[in-house]
Amino acid sequence: MKTKSIAIATIALSAFTSFAHAEWYGEAAYFSGKSTSFTAPASTVTSEPTAVAGIFGYNYGENLSAEFWIGTGAGDFDVKVNGAAQNPAVTAKINNLYGPFVRARVKVAEDLGLFARFGYVRGHSISASSSASSSATTGDWAYGVGASYNLTKLTYVTVGWMDLYGKGNTKTDGWSVSVGHNF
């Protein structure tokens, strides 16, 4: 009985210690990207989507974290065919995007770190012209790399590149900047 009590106490203390050292963080991010779709016959459809996102994460030590992204479009963007605006004009907007990610990082200087992230992102968008509209929900594996710089012990900024979608003849990637805070 005494051995069982000691084992339970040890497990409980280990769990508490692990939780006590938990490091949660949050980021406010802005994404500016380019989406390109190659369609037949020899047409290229392009757009430049923008989004704002909240990133919520949990550090599993110094080099690994799990995070969840949730965001929305930062405004409407034009859809062009072979570099030209369409007539009537077609605009699109990201309604939402979300997904889980794993982020690995390495410290390269006192306040500077590099990271790589891998996960799955799902999103919903709407395209419309004066005569029609359509919506689409898509998802794909996503990955990216970036750098973070500590402004203080708790606040930091990041700059990164992400490949958010790459199925079939369509590819969406771009740059992001964010401000984060460790809790």
N, C-alpha and C. Protein backbone atom coordinates (compact mmCIF):
# COMPACT_ATOMS: atom_id res chain seq x y z
N MET A 1 0.83 -1.19 0.00
CA MET A 1 0.00 0.00 0.00
C MET A 1 0.87 1.26 0.00
N LYS A 2 1.94 1.23 0.82
CA LYS A 2 2.83 2.38 0.91
C LYS A 2 3.53 2.61 -0.43
N THR A 3 3.96 1.53 -1.11
CA THR A 3 4.62 1.65 -2.41
C THR A 3 3.67 2.23 -3.44
N LYS A 4 2.41 1.81 -3.41
CA LYS A 4 1.42 2.32 -4.35
C LYS A 4 1.19 3.82 -4.11
N SER A 5 1.11 4.24 -2.86
CA SER A 5 0.92 5.65 -2.52
C SER A 5 2.11 6.49 -2.98
N ILE A 6 3.32 5.96 -2.81
CA ILE A 6 4.52 6.68 -3.23
C ILE A 6 4.52 6.80 -4.76
N ALA A 7 4.15 5.74 -5.46
CA ALA A 7 4.11 5.76 -6.93
C ALA A 7 3.09 6.79 -7.42
N ILE A 8 1.90 6.81 -6.83
CA ILE A 8 0.86 7.77 -7.22
C ILE A 8 1.33 9.19 -6.95
N ALA A 9 1.95 9.42 -5.79
CA ALA A 9 2.45 10.75 -5.44
C ALA A 9 3.54 11.19 -6.41
N THR A 10 4.42 10.27 -6.80
CA THR A 10 5.50 10.59 -7.74
C THR A 10 4.93 10.97 -9.10
N ILE A 11 3.96 10.20 -9.58
CA ILE A 11 3.33 10.50 -10.87
C ILE A 11 2.61 11.85 -10.82
N ALA A 12 1.87 12.10 -9.74
CA ALA A 12 1.15 13.37 -9.60
C ALA A 12 2.13 14.54 -9.54
N LEU A 13 3.23 14.38 -8.79
CA LEU A 13 4.22 15.44 -8.68
C LEU A 13 4.89 15.69 -10.04
N SER A 14 5.19 14.61 -10.77
CA SER A 14 5.79 14.76 -12.10
C SER A 14 4.85 15.50 -13.04
N ALA A 15 3.58 15.15 -13.01
CA ALA A 15 2.60 15.82 -13.87
C ALA A 15 2.47 17.28 -13.49
N PHE A 16 2.44 17.59 -12.18
CA PHE A 16 2.33 18.97 -11.74
C PHE A 16 3.56 19.76 -12.15
N THR A 17 4.75 19.18 -11.96
CA THR A 17 5.99 19.85 -12.33
C THR A 17 6.02 20.13 -13.82
N SER A 18 5.60 19.15 -14.60
CA SER A 18 5.56 19.33 -16.05
C SER A 18 4.60 20.46 -16.42
N PHE A 19 3.43 20.52 -15.79
CA PHE A 19 2.45 21.55 -16.07
C PHE A 19 2.93 22.91 -15.58
N ALA A 20 3.62 22.91 -14.42
CA ALA A 20 4.11 24.16 -13.87
C ALA A 20 5.14 24.81 -14.80
N HIS A 21 5.86 24.02 -15.57
CA HIS A 21 6.84 24.55 -16.51
C HIS A 21 6.25 24.71 -17.91
N ALA A 22 4.95 24.52 -18.04
CA ALA A 22 4.31 24.66 -19.34
C ALA A 22 4.47 26.09 -19.82
N GLU A 23 4.67 26.22 -21.09
CA GLU A 23 4.84 27.54 -21.67
C GLU A 23 3.85 27.71 -22.81
N TRP A 24 2.78 28.42 -22.54
CA TRP A 24 1.79 28.72 -23.57
C TRP A 24 2.18 30.01 -24.26
N TYR A 25 1.80 30.16 -25.51
CA TYR A 25 2.06 31.40 -26.22
C TYR A 25 0.93 31.70 -27.19
N GLY A 26 0.87 32.94 -27.58
CA GLY A 26 -0.11 33.38 -28.57
C GLY A 26 0.53 34.37 -29.51
N GLU A 27 0.09 34.36 -30.77
CA GLU A 27 0.62 35.28 -31.77
C GLU A 27 -0.53 35.88 -32.58
N ALA A 28 -0.35 37.13 -32.98
CA ALA A 28 -1.24 37.78 -33.94
C ALA A 28 -0.44 37.90 -35.23
N ALA A 29 -0.93 37.29 -36.31
CA ALA A 29 -0.16 37.20 -37.55
C ALA A 29 -0.90 37.85 -38.72
N TYR A 30 -0.12 38.36 -39.67
CA TYR A 30 -0.63 38.88 -40.93
C TYR A 30 0.05 38.10 -42.05
N PHE A 31 -0.73 37.58 -42.99
CA PHE A 31 -0.22 36.78 -44.11
C PHE A 31 -0.53 37.49 -45.42
N SER A 32 0.47 37.58 -46.29
CA SER A 32 0.28 38.13 -47.63
C SER A 32 0.82 37.10 -48.62
N GLY A 33 -0.05 36.60 -49.49
CA GLY A 33 0.36 35.49 -50.34
C GLY A 33 0.08 35.68 -51.81
N LYS A 34 0.41 34.63 -52.54
CA LYS A 34 0.12 34.57 -53.96
C LYS A 34 -0.44 33.19 -54.25
N SER A 35 -1.54 33.16 -54.96
CA SER A 35 -2.16 31.90 -55.36
C SER A 35 -2.15 31.84 -56.88
N THR A 36 -1.66 30.72 -57.41
CA THR A 36 -1.57 30.53 -58.85
C THR A 36 -2.21 29.20 -59.22
N SER A 37 -3.04 29.23 -60.25
CA SER A 37 -3.70 28.04 -60.76
C SER A 37 -3.49 27.98 -62.26
N PHE A 38 -2.99 26.85 -62.74
CA PHE A 38 -2.81 26.66 -64.17
C PHE A 38 -3.99 25.85 -64.68
N THR A 39 -4.73 26.43 -65.62
CA THR A 39 -5.93 25.77 -66.15
C THR A 39 -5.80 25.61 -67.67
N ALA A 40 -6.59 24.73 -68.20
CA ALA A 40 -6.56 24.49 -69.65
C ALA A 40 -7.51 25.48 -70.32
N PRO A 41 -7.31 25.91 -71.49
CA PRO A 41 -6.09 25.69 -72.28
C PRO A 41 -5.14 26.87 -72.07
N ALA A 42 -4.04 26.64 -71.46
CA ALA A 42 -2.93 27.59 -71.26
C ALA A 42 -3.34 28.88 -70.55
N SER A 43 -4.22 28.80 -69.58
CA SER A 43 -4.60 29.97 -68.80
C SER A 43 -3.96 29.88 -67.41
N THR A 44 -3.63 31.04 -66.86
CA THR A 44 -3.11 31.11 -65.51
C THR A 44 -4.01 32.04 -64.70
N VAL A 45 -4.57 31.52 -63.63
CA VAL A 45 -5.43 32.29 -62.74
C VAL A 45 -4.61 32.65 -61.51
N THR A 46 -4.53 33.95 -61.20
CA THR A 46 -3.74 34.39 -60.05
C THR A 46 -4.55 35.29 -59.13
N SER A 47 -4.15 35.30 -57.87
CA SER A 47 -4.73 36.22 -56.89
C SER A 47 -3.70 36.43 -55.79
N GLU A 48 -3.92 37.45 -54.99
CA GLU A 48 -3.00 37.76 -53.90
C GLU A 48 -3.80 37.86 -52.60
N PRO A 49 -4.09 36.72 -51.98
CA PRO A 49 -4.88 36.72 -50.75
C PRO A 49 -4.10 37.26 -49.55
N THR A 50 -4.82 37.88 -48.63
CA THR A 50 -4.25 38.32 -47.37
C THR A 50 -5.13 37.80 -46.24
N ALA A 51 -4.52 37.55 -45.10
CA ALA A 51 -5.28 37.03 -43.97
C ALA A 51 -4.66 37.50 -42.66
N VAL A 52 -5.47 37.53 -41.62
CA VAL A 52 -5.01 37.75 -40.25
C VAL A 52 -5.34 36.49 -39.47
N ALA A 53 -4.45 36.12 -38.56
CA ALA A 53 -4.67 34.87 -37.83
C ALA A 53 -4.20 35.00 -36.38
N GLY A 54 -4.83 34.22 -35.55
CA GLY A 54 -4.37 34.03 -34.18
C GLY A 54 -3.72 32.66 -34.10
N ILE A 55 -2.57 32.59 -33.50
CA ILE A 55 -1.84 31.33 -33.34
C ILE A 55 -1.71 31.07 -31.85
N PHE A 56 -2.18 29.92 -31.41
CA PHE A 56 -2.12 29.57 -30.00
C PHE A 56 -1.29 28.30 -29.86
N GLY A 57 -0.26 28.35 -29.00
CA GLY A 57 0.65 27.22 -28.94
C GLY A 57 1.07 26.84 -27.54
N TYR A 58 1.64 25.64 -27.46
CA TYR A 58 2.15 25.07 -26.21
C TYR A 58 3.54 24.52 -26.47
N ASN A 59 4.53 24.99 -25.72
CA ASN A 59 5.91 24.53 -25.87
C ASN A 59 6.14 23.23 -25.12
N TYR A 60 6.66 22.24 -25.82
CA TYR A 60 7.08 20.97 -25.23
C TYR A 60 8.60 20.99 -25.10
N GLY A 61 9.13 21.92 -24.34
CA GLY A 61 10.57 22.07 -24.22
C GLY A 61 11.05 23.21 -25.08
N GLU A 62 12.37 23.33 -25.20
CA GLU A 62 12.97 24.45 -25.93
C GLU A 62 12.81 24.36 -27.44
N ASN A 63 12.70 23.15 -27.99
CA ASN A 63 12.78 23.00 -29.44
C ASN A 63 11.53 22.53 -30.15
N LEU A 64 10.44 22.30 -29.44
CA LEU A 64 9.25 21.75 -30.08
C LEU A 64 7.99 22.32 -29.46
N SER A 65 7.03 22.65 -30.32
CA SER A 65 5.74 23.12 -29.82
C SER A 65 4.63 22.64 -30.74
N ALA A 66 3.43 22.62 -30.20
CA ALA A 66 2.22 22.33 -30.97
C ALA A 66 1.40 23.61 -30.97
N GLU A 67 0.82 23.94 -32.13
CA GLU A 67 0.05 25.18 -32.21
C GLU A 67 -1.20 24.98 -33.06
N PHE A 68 -2.14 25.88 -32.85
CA PHE A 68 -3.38 25.85 -33.62
C PHE A 68 -3.57 27.23 -34.22
N TRP A 69 -3.82 27.27 -35.51
CA TRP A 69 -4.06 28.51 -36.24
C TRP A 69 -5.55 28.69 -36.45
N ILE A 70 -6.02 29.93 -36.33
CA ILE A 70 -7.39 30.27 -36.72
C ILE A 70 -7.37 31.69 -37.27
N GLY A 71 -7.95 31.87 -38.45
CA GLY A 71 -7.87 33.19 -39.06
C GLY A 71 -8.99 33.47 -40.04
N THR A 72 -8.92 34.65 -40.63
CA THR A 72 -9.91 35.10 -41.60
C THR A 72 -9.22 36.02 -42.61
N GLY A 73 -9.88 36.28 -43.70
CA GLY A 73 -9.32 37.16 -44.71
C GLY A 73 -9.16 38.58 -44.21
N ALA A 74 -8.14 39.27 -44.71
CA ALA A 74 -7.91 40.67 -44.32
C ALA A 74 -8.59 41.63 -45.30
N GLY A 75 -9.32 41.10 -46.27
CA GLY A 75 -10.02 41.93 -47.24
C GLY A 75 -10.23 41.16 -48.53
N ASP A 76 -10.98 41.78 -49.46
CA ASP A 76 -11.20 41.18 -50.77
C ASP A 76 -9.94 41.30 -51.62
N PHE A 77 -9.78 40.39 -52.56
CA PHE A 77 -8.66 40.46 -53.49
C PHE A 77 -9.15 40.10 -54.89
N ASP A 78 -8.50 40.70 -55.89
CA ASP A 78 -8.89 40.48 -57.29
C ASP A 78 -8.39 39.14 -57.78
N VAL A 79 -9.18 38.51 -58.65
CA VAL A 79 -8.80 37.28 -59.33
C VAL A 79 -8.53 37.65 -60.78
N LYS A 80 -7.32 37.33 -61.27
CA LYS A 80 -6.91 37.69 -62.63
C LYS A 80 -6.67 36.44 -63.47
N VAL A 81 -6.91 36.55 -64.76
CA VAL A 81 -6.63 35.47 -65.71
C VAL A 81 -5.55 35.97 -66.66
N ASN A 82 -4.46 35.22 -66.74
CA ASN A 82 -3.30 35.60 -67.57
C ASN A 82 -2.85 37.04 -67.28
N GLY A 83 -2.92 37.42 -66.01
CA GLY A 83 -2.44 38.73 -65.58
C GLY A 83 -3.41 39.88 -65.75
N ALA A 84 -4.57 39.63 -66.32
CA ALA A 84 -5.54 40.70 -66.58
C ALA A 84 -6.78 40.54 -65.71
N ALA A 85 -7.31 41.67 -65.31
CA ALA A 85 -8.57 41.66 -64.56
C ALA A 85 -9.68 41.13 -65.46
N GLN A 86 -10.66 40.50 -64.88
CA GLN A 86 -11.75 39.93 -65.65
C GLN A 86 -12.87 40.96 -65.81
N ASN A 87 -13.69 40.76 -66.85
CA ASN A 87 -14.82 41.64 -67.06
C ASN A 87 -16.08 40.80 -67.16
N PRO A 88 -17.01 40.84 -66.23
CA PRO A 88 -17.00 41.68 -65.04
C PRO A 88 -15.92 41.23 -64.04
N ALA A 89 -15.50 42.17 -63.19
CA ALA A 89 -14.45 41.90 -62.21
C ALA A 89 -14.85 40.77 -61.27
N VAL A 90 -13.87 39.93 -60.94
CA VAL A 90 -14.08 38.84 -59.98
C VAL A 90 -13.21 39.12 -58.76
N THR A 91 -13.84 39.11 -57.61
CA THR A 91 -13.10 39.28 -56.36
C THR A 91 -13.32 38.05 -55.50
N ALA A 92 -12.41 37.85 -54.57
CA ALA A 92 -12.52 36.71 -53.66
C ALA A 92 -12.19 37.16 -52.25
N LYS A 93 -12.57 36.35 -51.29
CA LYS A 93 -12.29 36.64 -49.88
C LYS A 93 -12.15 35.32 -49.13
N ILE A 94 -11.19 35.27 -48.23
CA ILE A 94 -11.04 34.11 -47.35
C ILE A 94 -12.01 34.30 -46.20
N ASN A 95 -12.95 33.37 -46.03
CA ASN A 95 -13.87 33.44 -44.88
C ASN A 95 -13.19 32.98 -43.61
N ASN A 96 -12.52 31.82 -43.69
CA ASN A 96 -11.83 31.31 -42.51
C ASN A 96 -10.72 30.37 -42.93
N LEU A 97 -9.77 30.20 -42.04
CA LEU A 97 -8.73 29.20 -42.20
C LEU A 97 -8.34 28.75 -40.81
N TYR A 98 -8.01 27.47 -40.68
CA TYR A 98 -7.66 26.93 -39.37
C TYR A 98 -6.90 25.63 -39.54
N GLY A 99 -6.17 25.27 -38.50
CA GLY A 99 -5.47 23.99 -38.56
C GLY A 99 -4.40 23.85 -37.50
N PRO A 100 -4.04 22.60 -37.22
CA PRO A 100 -2.99 22.30 -36.23
C PRO A 100 -1.61 22.24 -36.90
N PHE A 101 -0.59 22.65 -36.17
CA PHE A 101 0.78 22.63 -36.66
C PHE A 101 1.73 22.15 -35.57
N VAL A 102 2.87 21.65 -35.98
CA VAL A 102 3.99 21.35 -35.10
C VAL A 102 5.10 22.30 -35.51
N ARG A 103 5.75 22.92 -34.52
CA ARG A 103 6.83 23.86 -34.83
C ARG A 103 8.10 23.42 -34.12
N ALA A 104 9.15 23.22 -34.90
CA ALA A 104 10.48 22.90 -34.35
C ALA A 104 11.32 24.17 -34.46
N ARG A 105 12.14 24.42 -33.46
CA ARG A 105 12.93 25.64 -33.48
C ARG A 105 14.31 25.41 -32.88
N VAL A 106 15.22 26.30 -33.24
CA VAL A 106 16.59 26.24 -32.73
C VAL A 106 17.03 27.68 -32.45
N LYS A 107 17.68 27.86 -31.33
CA LYS A 107 18.20 29.17 -30.94
C LYS A 107 19.56 29.35 -31.60
N VAL A 108 19.76 30.45 -32.36
CA VAL A 108 21.04 30.68 -33.03
C VAL A 108 21.83 31.82 -32.40
N ALA A 109 21.18 32.64 -31.59
CA ALA A 109 21.81 33.72 -30.84
C ALA A 109 20.94 33.97 -29.60
N GLU A 110 21.39 34.85 -28.73
CA GLU A 110 20.68 35.08 -27.47
C GLU A 110 19.19 35.36 -27.68
N ASP A 111 18.86 36.23 -28.61
CA ASP A 111 17.46 36.60 -28.83
C ASP A 111 16.92 36.20 -30.19
N LEU A 112 17.67 35.43 -30.96
CA LEU A 112 17.28 35.07 -32.32
C LEU A 112 17.14 33.57 -32.48
N GLY A 113 16.04 33.15 -33.10
CA GLY A 113 15.81 31.74 -33.34
C GLY A 113 15.29 31.49 -34.75
N LEU A 114 15.50 30.29 -35.25
CA LEU A 114 14.96 29.86 -36.53
C LEU A 114 13.95 28.76 -36.27
N PHE A 115 12.92 28.66 -37.10
CA PHE A 115 11.91 27.62 -36.90
C PHE A 115 11.43 27.05 -38.22
N ALA A 116 10.88 25.87 -38.13
CA ALA A 116 10.19 25.22 -39.25
C ALA A 116 8.87 24.72 -38.71
N ARG A 117 7.84 24.80 -39.52
CA ARG A 117 6.52 24.38 -39.06
C ARG A 117 5.90 23.47 -40.11
N PHE A 118 5.12 22.50 -39.62
CA PHE A 118 4.44 21.55 -40.50
C PHE A 118 3.07 21.26 -39.92
N GLY A 119 2.05 21.23 -40.77
CA GLY A 119 0.71 20.96 -40.27
C GLY A 119 -0.29 20.81 -41.40
N TYR A 120 -1.55 21.00 -41.06
CA TYR A 120 -2.63 20.88 -42.01
C TYR A 120 -3.51 22.12 -41.88
N VAL A 121 -3.80 22.76 -42.99
CA VAL A 121 -4.66 23.95 -42.95
C VAL A 121 -5.90 23.70 -43.81
N ARG A 122 -7.02 24.17 -43.32
CA ARG A 122 -8.30 24.05 -44.02
C ARG A 122 -8.89 25.45 -44.09
N GLY A 123 -9.50 25.76 -45.21
CA GLY A 123 -10.06 27.10 -45.36
C GLY A 123 -11.30 27.13 -46.23
N HIS A 124 -12.03 28.21 -46.10
CA HIS A 124 -13.25 28.43 -46.88
C HIS A 124 -13.14 29.80 -47.51
N SER A 125 -13.40 29.89 -48.82
CA SER A 125 -13.35 31.17 -49.52
C SER A 125 -14.58 31.33 -50.41
N ILE A 126 -14.83 32.60 -50.75
CA ILE A 126 -15.95 32.94 -51.62
C ILE A 126 -15.41 33.80 -52.76
N SER A 127 -15.82 33.49 -53.99
CA SER A 127 -15.48 34.31 -55.17
C SER A 127 -16.79 34.84 -55.73
N ALA A 128 -16.76 36.09 -56.22
CA ALA A 128 -17.99 36.67 -56.74
C ALA A 128 -17.70 37.70 -57.83
N SER A 129 -18.65 37.78 -58.75
CA SER A 129 -18.65 38.85 -59.76
C SER A 129 -20.04 39.49 -59.69
N SER A 130 -20.31 40.40 -60.59
CA SER A 130 -21.63 41.04 -60.59
C SER A 130 -22.73 40.07 -61.00
N SER A 131 -22.36 38.94 -61.65
CA SER A 131 -23.39 38.04 -62.15
C SER A 131 -23.42 36.66 -61.48
N ALA A 132 -22.39 36.30 -60.71
CA ALA A 132 -22.37 34.96 -60.11
C ALA A 132 -21.45 34.93 -58.89
N SER A 133 -21.62 33.88 -58.10
CA SER A 133 -20.72 33.69 -56.96
C SER A 133 -20.53 32.20 -56.72
N SER A 134 -19.42 31.86 -56.08
CA SER A 134 -19.17 30.47 -55.74
C SER A 134 -18.35 30.44 -54.45
N SER A 135 -18.38 29.29 -53.80
CA SER A 135 -17.58 29.14 -52.59
C SER A 135 -16.87 27.80 -52.65
N ALA A 136 -15.78 27.72 -51.90
CA ALA A 136 -15.00 26.48 -51.89
C ALA A 136 -14.40 26.27 -50.51
N THR A 137 -14.37 25.02 -50.09
CA THR A 137 -13.68 24.63 -48.87
C THR A 137 -12.56 23.69 -49.29
N THR A 138 -11.34 24.03 -48.93
CA THR A 138 -10.19 23.23 -49.32
C THR A 138 -9.29 23.00 -48.11
N GLY A 139 -8.45 22.01 -48.21
CA GLY A 139 -7.48 21.73 -47.16
C GLY A 139 -6.28 21.01 -47.74
N ASP A 140 -5.12 21.22 -47.12
CA ASP A 140 -3.91 20.57 -47.59
C ASP A 140 -2.85 20.64 -46.50
N TRP A 141 -1.83 19.80 -46.65
CA TRP A 141 -0.67 19.86 -45.78
C TRP A 141 0.04 21.16 -46.04
N ALA A 142 0.56 21.78 -44.99
CA ALA A 142 1.24 23.06 -45.11
C ALA A 142 2.57 23.00 -44.37
N TYR A 143 3.50 23.82 -44.83
CA TYR A 143 4.81 23.87 -44.16
C TYR A 143 5.41 25.25 -44.35
N GLY A 144 6.38 25.58 -43.50
CA GLY A 144 7.02 26.87 -43.63
C GLY A 144 8.28 26.97 -42.78
N VAL A 145 9.00 28.05 -42.99
CA VAL A 145 10.22 28.34 -42.23
C VAL A 145 10.19 29.82 -41.85
N GLY A 146 10.96 30.15 -40.81
CA GLY A 146 11.00 31.54 -40.40
C GLY A 146 12.01 31.81 -39.32
N ALA A 147 12.01 33.04 -38.86
CA ALA A 147 12.91 33.48 -37.80
C ALA A 147 12.10 34.25 -36.76
N SER A 148 12.52 34.15 -35.52
CA SER A 148 11.88 34.91 -34.45
C SER A 148 12.94 35.69 -33.68
N TYR A 149 12.54 36.86 -33.20
CA TYR A 149 13.44 37.71 -32.44
C TYR A 149 12.74 38.17 -31.17
N ASN A 150 13.37 37.95 -30.02
CA ASN A 150 12.81 38.35 -28.73
C ASN A 150 12.99 39.85 -28.51
N LEU A 151 11.89 40.54 -28.31
CA LEU A 151 11.93 41.96 -27.96
C LEU A 151 12.16 42.11 -26.46
N THR A 152 11.51 41.23 -25.69
CA THR A 152 11.68 41.15 -24.24
C THR A 152 11.69 39.66 -23.88
N LYS A 153 11.70 39.35 -22.59
CA LYS A 153 11.65 37.94 -22.19
C LYS A 153 10.34 37.28 -22.59
N LEU A 154 9.27 38.07 -22.73
CA LEU A 154 7.95 37.50 -23.01
C LEU A 154 7.42 37.84 -24.41
N THR A 155 7.89 38.90 -25.03
CA THR A 155 7.34 39.36 -26.31
C THR A 155 8.36 39.18 -27.43
N TYR A 156 7.88 38.74 -28.59
CA TYR A 156 8.76 38.48 -29.72
C TYR A 156 8.05 38.79 -31.03
N VAL A 157 8.83 38.89 -32.11
CA VAL A 157 8.28 39.07 -33.46
C VAL A 157 8.81 37.93 -34.33
N THR A 158 8.03 37.54 -35.34
CA THR A 158 8.48 36.52 -36.28
C THR A 158 8.24 36.99 -37.71
N VAL A 159 9.06 36.48 -38.60
CA VAL A 159 8.88 36.65 -40.04
C VAL A 159 9.03 35.27 -40.63
N GLY A 160 8.12 34.89 -41.53
CA GLY A 160 8.21 33.55 -42.08
C GLY A 160 7.60 33.42 -43.45
N TRP A 161 7.93 32.32 -44.11
CA TRP A 161 7.35 31.95 -45.40
C TRP A 161 6.57 30.66 -45.20
N MET A 162 5.39 30.57 -45.81
CA MET A 162 4.54 29.37 -45.69
C MET A 162 4.05 28.93 -47.06
N ASP A 163 4.00 27.61 -47.25
CA ASP A 163 3.33 27.00 -48.39
C ASP A 163 2.03 26.46 -47.81
N LEU A 164 0.91 27.12 -48.12
CA LEU A 164 -0.36 26.76 -47.50
C LEU A 164 -1.19 25.77 -48.30
N TYR A 165 -0.97 25.72 -49.60
CA TYR A 165 -1.82 24.84 -50.42
C TYR A 165 -1.05 24.49 -51.68
N GLY A 166 -1.10 23.21 -52.08
CA GLY A 166 -0.40 22.79 -53.28
C GLY A 166 -0.97 21.52 -53.87
N LYS A 167 -2.23 21.56 -54.25
CA LYS A 167 -2.87 20.38 -54.86
C LYS A 167 -3.15 20.64 -56.33
N GLY A 168 -2.98 19.58 -57.11
CA GLY A 168 -3.28 19.69 -58.54
C GLY A 168 -2.43 20.77 -59.18
N ASN A 169 -3.06 21.66 -59.89
CA ASN A 169 -2.36 22.76 -60.58
C ASN A 169 -2.40 24.06 -59.79
N THR A 170 -2.78 24.01 -58.51
CA THR A 170 -2.92 25.22 -57.71
C THR A 170 -1.90 25.25 -56.59
N LYS A 171 -1.31 26.42 -56.38
CA LYS A 171 -0.32 26.59 -55.31
C LYS A 171 -0.57 27.94 -54.65
N THR A 172 -0.58 27.95 -53.30
CA THR A 172 -0.71 29.18 -52.54
C THR A 172 0.40 29.23 -51.50
N ASP A 173 1.20 30.28 -51.57
CA ASP A 173 2.26 30.48 -50.58
C ASP A 173 2.43 31.96 -50.32
N GLY A 174 3.24 32.31 -49.32
CA GLY A 174 3.46 33.72 -49.05
C GLY A 174 4.21 33.96 -47.76
N TRP A 175 4.28 35.22 -47.41
CA TRP A 175 5.04 35.67 -46.25
C TRP A 175 4.11 36.09 -45.12
N SER A 176 4.60 35.91 -43.90
CA SER A 176 3.83 36.34 -42.75
C SER A 176 4.74 37.08 -41.77
N VAL A 177 4.13 37.93 -40.99
CA VAL A 177 4.80 38.63 -39.90
C VAL A 177 3.86 38.53 -38.71
N SER A 178 4.42 38.31 -37.53
CA SER A 178 3.56 38.21 -36.35
C SER A 178 4.23 38.79 -35.13
N VAL A 179 3.42 39.11 -34.15
CA VAL A 179 3.87 39.54 -32.83
C VAL A 179 3.35 38.49 -31.86
N GLY A 180 4.22 37.99 -30.99
CA GLY A 180 3.83 36.93 -30.07
C GLY A 180 4.13 37.28 -28.63
N HIS A 181 3.47 36.54 -27.74
CA HIS A 181 3.65 36.73 -26.30
C HIS A 181 3.64 35.36 -25.61
N ASN A 182 4.64 35.11 -24.76
CA ASN A 182 4.68 33.89 -23.94
C ASN A 182 3.94 34.15 -22.63
N PHE A 183 3.14 33.19 -22.21
CA PHE A 183 2.38 33.33 -20.97
C PHE A 183 2.99 32.52 -19.85
